[in-house]
């Protein structure tokens, strides 16, 4: 997806489409972290530690149950 910046006062703004915001569960109140390596801008939501632990537990469970099948599919 290609985007262009829009003028917002004396600054520039990036408009993120609603389907992407919904997929990432980002709202106007979600704090975001901006990082760069000098070439790429990475924007990611800052999640609380409890949510991160729950996500990791879910991923671990999926990998334990379906890990071998997922590896075969990836080949």
N, C-alpha and C. Protein backbone atom coordinates (compact mmCIF):
# COMPACT_ATOMS: atom_id res chain seq x y z
N UNK A 1 0.85 -1.17 0.00
CA UNK A 1 0.00 0.00 0.00
C UNK A 1 0.90 1.23 0.00
N UNK A 2 0.68 2.11 -0.93
CA UNK A 2 1.43 3.36 -1.00
C UNK A 2 0.59 4.47 -0.39
N UNK A 3 1.22 5.32 0.38
CA UNK A 3 0.55 6.45 1.02
C UNK A 3 1.38 7.70 0.80
N UNK A 4 0.75 8.85 0.89
CA UNK A 4 1.46 10.12 0.87
C UNK A 4 1.09 10.88 2.12
N UNK A 5 1.98 11.75 2.55
CA UNK A 5 1.72 12.57 3.73
C UNK A 5 0.82 13.73 3.34
N UNK A 6 0.03 14.20 4.33
CA UNK A 6 -0.82 15.36 4.10
C UNK A 6 -0.39 16.48 5.04
N UNK A 7 -0.61 17.70 4.62
CA UNK A 7 -0.27 18.85 5.45
C UNK A 7 -1.27 18.96 6.58
N UNK A 8 -0.75 19.16 7.80
CA UNK A 8 -1.58 19.29 9.00
C UNK A 8 -0.97 20.43 9.82
N UNK A 9 -1.46 21.63 9.62
CA UNK A 9 -0.85 22.80 10.25
C UNK A 9 0.55 23.00 9.69
N UNK A 10 1.54 23.09 10.59
CA UNK A 10 2.93 23.23 10.17
C UNK A 10 3.63 21.88 10.05
N UNK A 11 2.90 20.80 10.21
CA UNK A 11 3.47 19.46 10.20
C UNK A 11 2.91 18.66 9.03
N UNK A 12 3.37 17.44 8.92
CA UNK A 12 2.83 16.48 7.96
C UNK A 12 2.22 15.33 8.73
N UNK A 13 1.17 14.72 8.18
CA UNK A 13 0.48 13.63 8.86
C UNK A 13 0.33 12.45 7.91
N UNK A 14 0.30 11.26 8.50
CA UNK A 14 0.05 10.03 7.75
C UNK A 14 -1.31 9.51 8.16
N UNK A 15 -2.19 9.32 7.20
CA UNK A 15 -3.53 8.80 7.49
C UNK A 15 -3.47 7.28 7.33
N UNK A 16 -3.86 6.57 8.40
CA UNK A 16 -3.87 5.11 8.38
C UNK A 16 -5.30 4.65 8.18
N UNK A 17 -5.51 3.81 7.19
CA UNK A 17 -6.85 3.35 6.83
C UNK A 17 -7.51 2.57 7.97
N UNK A 18 -8.82 2.71 8.08
CA UNK A 18 -9.60 2.08 9.15
C UNK A 18 -9.42 0.57 9.23
N UNK A 19 -9.41 -0.19 8.12
CA UNK A 19 -9.23 -1.65 8.24
C UNK A 19 -7.90 -2.03 8.91
N UNK A 20 -6.86 -1.27 8.65
CA UNK A 20 -5.56 -1.55 9.28
C UNK A 20 -5.63 -1.25 10.77
N UNK A 21 -6.24 -0.13 11.12
CA UNK A 21 -6.39 0.22 12.53
C UNK A 21 -7.21 -0.83 13.28
N UNK A 22 -8.28 -1.30 12.65
CA UNK A 22 -9.12 -2.33 13.28
C UNK A 22 -8.36 -3.63 13.44
N UNK A 23 -7.62 -4.02 12.41
CA UNK A 23 -6.86 -5.27 12.48
C UNK A 23 -5.84 -5.23 13.62
N UNK A 24 -5.21 -4.07 13.81
CA UNK A 24 -4.19 -3.94 14.86
C UNK A 24 -4.77 -3.48 16.19
N UNK A 25 -6.09 -3.28 16.23
CA UNK A 25 -6.80 -2.83 17.42
C UNK A 25 -6.18 -1.53 17.94
N UNK A 26 -6.02 -0.57 17.04
CA UNK A 26 -5.49 0.74 17.38
C UNK A 26 -6.63 1.74 17.34
N UNK A 27 -6.77 2.52 18.40
CA UNK A 27 -7.76 3.60 18.46
C UNK A 27 -7.01 4.93 18.61
N UNK A 28 -7.77 6.02 18.66
CA UNK A 28 -7.16 7.34 18.85
C UNK A 28 -6.44 7.44 20.19
N UNK A 29 -6.83 6.59 21.15
CA UNK A 29 -6.21 6.63 22.48
C UNK A 29 -5.01 5.70 22.62
N UNK A 30 -4.75 4.86 21.64
CA UNK A 30 -3.65 3.90 21.72
C UNK A 30 -2.32 4.62 21.60
N UNK A 31 -1.44 4.46 22.61
CA UNK A 31 -0.11 5.07 22.48
C UNK A 31 0.71 4.31 21.43
N UNK A 32 1.45 5.07 20.63
CA UNK A 32 2.25 4.47 19.57
C UNK A 32 3.73 4.77 19.80
N UNK A 33 4.57 3.84 19.41
CA UNK A 33 6.02 4.01 19.46
C UNK A 33 6.52 4.18 18.03
N UNK A 34 7.30 5.23 17.80
CA UNK A 34 7.91 5.48 16.50
C UNK A 34 9.41 5.24 16.62
N UNK A 35 9.95 4.39 15.76
CA UNK A 35 11.39 4.15 15.73
C UNK A 35 11.86 4.22 14.28
N UNK A 36 13.15 4.41 14.11
CA UNK A 36 13.72 4.44 12.77
C UNK A 36 15.15 3.93 12.82
N UNK A 37 15.58 3.38 11.69
CA UNK A 37 16.98 2.99 11.55
C UNK A 37 17.70 3.97 10.63
N UNK A 38 17.05 5.08 10.33
CA UNK A 38 17.61 6.06 9.43
C UNK A 38 17.09 5.92 8.01
N UNK A 39 16.43 4.80 7.72
CA UNK A 39 15.90 4.55 6.40
C UNK A 39 14.42 4.18 6.43
N UNK A 40 13.99 3.54 7.51
CA UNK A 40 12.64 3.02 7.64
C UNK A 40 12.01 3.57 8.91
N UNK A 41 10.73 3.91 8.83
CA UNK A 41 9.98 4.32 10.02
C UNK A 41 9.10 3.14 10.43
N UNK A 42 9.19 2.75 11.70
CA UNK A 42 8.36 1.68 12.23
C UNK A 42 7.42 2.29 13.26
N UNK A 43 6.13 2.05 13.09
CA UNK A 43 5.11 2.54 14.02
C UNK A 43 4.44 1.33 14.62
N UNK A 44 4.45 1.24 15.95
CA UNK A 44 3.78 0.10 16.57
C UNK A 44 3.07 0.52 17.85
N UNK A 45 1.94 -0.12 18.13
CA UNK A 45 1.20 0.22 19.35
C UNK A 45 1.98 -0.26 20.57
N UNK A 46 1.89 0.52 21.62
CA UNK A 46 2.50 0.12 22.90
C UNK A 46 1.44 -0.66 23.66
N UNK A 47 1.70 -1.92 23.88
CA UNK A 47 0.74 -2.79 24.57
C UNK A 47 1.17 -2.97 26.02
N UNK A 48 0.19 -3.19 26.89
CA UNK A 48 0.55 -3.42 28.28
C UNK A 48 1.14 -4.81 28.45
N UNK A 49 1.89 -4.99 29.51
CA UNK A 49 2.62 -6.24 29.73
C UNK A 49 1.69 -7.44 29.86
N UNK A 50 0.52 -7.25 30.48
CA UNK A 50 -0.42 -8.36 30.65
C UNK A 50 -0.88 -8.87 29.28
N UNK A 51 -1.20 -7.96 28.39
CA UNK A 51 -1.64 -8.35 27.05
C UNK A 51 -0.53 -9.08 26.31
N UNK A 52 0.70 -8.60 26.45
CA UNK A 52 1.83 -9.26 25.79
C UNK A 52 2.02 -10.68 26.32
N UNK A 53 1.87 -10.87 27.62
CA UNK A 53 2.00 -12.22 28.20
C UNK A 53 0.89 -13.14 27.69
N UNK A 54 -0.33 -12.62 27.59
CA UNK A 54 -1.45 -13.41 27.08
C UNK A 54 -1.20 -13.81 25.63
N UNK A 55 -0.72 -12.88 24.83
CA UNK A 55 -0.43 -13.18 23.43
C UNK A 55 0.65 -14.23 23.33
N UNK A 56 1.72 -14.09 24.11
CA UNK A 56 2.80 -15.06 24.06
C UNK A 56 2.32 -16.44 24.50
N UNK A 57 1.48 -16.50 25.53
CA UNK A 57 0.93 -17.79 25.99
C UNK A 57 0.10 -18.43 24.88
N UNK A 58 -0.69 -17.63 24.17
CA UNK A 58 -1.50 -18.16 23.06
C UNK A 58 -0.61 -18.67 21.94
N UNK A 59 0.43 -17.92 21.60
CA UNK A 59 1.35 -18.36 20.55
C UNK A 59 2.06 -19.64 20.95
N UNK A 60 2.48 -19.73 22.20
CA UNK A 60 3.14 -20.95 22.68
C UNK A 60 2.22 -22.15 22.58
N UNK A 61 0.95 -21.96 22.94
CA UNK A 61 -0.03 -23.04 22.87
C UNK A 61 -0.24 -23.49 21.43
N UNK A 62 -0.36 -22.53 20.51
CA UNK A 62 -0.53 -22.85 19.09
C UNK A 62 0.69 -23.60 18.57
N UNK A 63 1.89 -23.12 18.91
CA UNK A 63 3.11 -23.79 18.45
C UNK A 63 3.23 -25.20 19.01
N UNK A 64 2.83 -25.38 20.26
CA UNK A 64 2.90 -26.70 20.87
C UNK A 64 1.94 -27.66 20.18
N UNK A 65 0.74 -27.18 19.88
CA UNK A 65 -0.28 -28.04 19.31
C UNK A 65 -0.10 -28.25 17.80
N UNK A 66 0.30 -27.19 17.08
CA UNK A 66 0.34 -27.25 15.61
C UNK A 66 1.72 -26.97 15.02
N UNK A 67 2.75 -26.87 15.85
CA UNK A 67 4.08 -26.49 15.38
C UNK A 67 4.60 -27.35 14.24
N UNK A 68 4.49 -28.66 14.37
CA UNK A 68 5.00 -29.55 13.32
C UNK A 68 4.22 -29.36 12.01
N UNK A 69 2.90 -29.22 12.13
CA UNK A 69 2.08 -29.01 10.93
C UNK A 69 2.44 -27.68 10.26
N UNK A 70 2.65 -26.63 11.06
CA UNK A 70 3.00 -25.34 10.50
C UNK A 70 4.35 -25.36 9.81
N UNK A 71 5.29 -26.12 10.38
CA UNK A 71 6.61 -26.26 9.75
C UNK A 71 6.49 -26.95 8.40
N UNK A 72 5.69 -28.01 8.34
CA UNK A 72 5.49 -28.71 7.07
C UNK A 72 4.84 -27.80 6.03
N UNK A 73 3.87 -27.01 6.44
CA UNK A 73 3.21 -26.09 5.52
C UNK A 73 4.18 -25.02 5.00
N UNK A 74 5.13 -24.65 5.81
CA UNK A 74 6.08 -23.60 5.42
C UNK A 74 7.10 -24.09 4.41
N UNK A 75 7.24 -25.40 4.27
CA UNK A 75 8.25 -25.93 3.35
C UNK A 75 7.76 -25.98 1.93
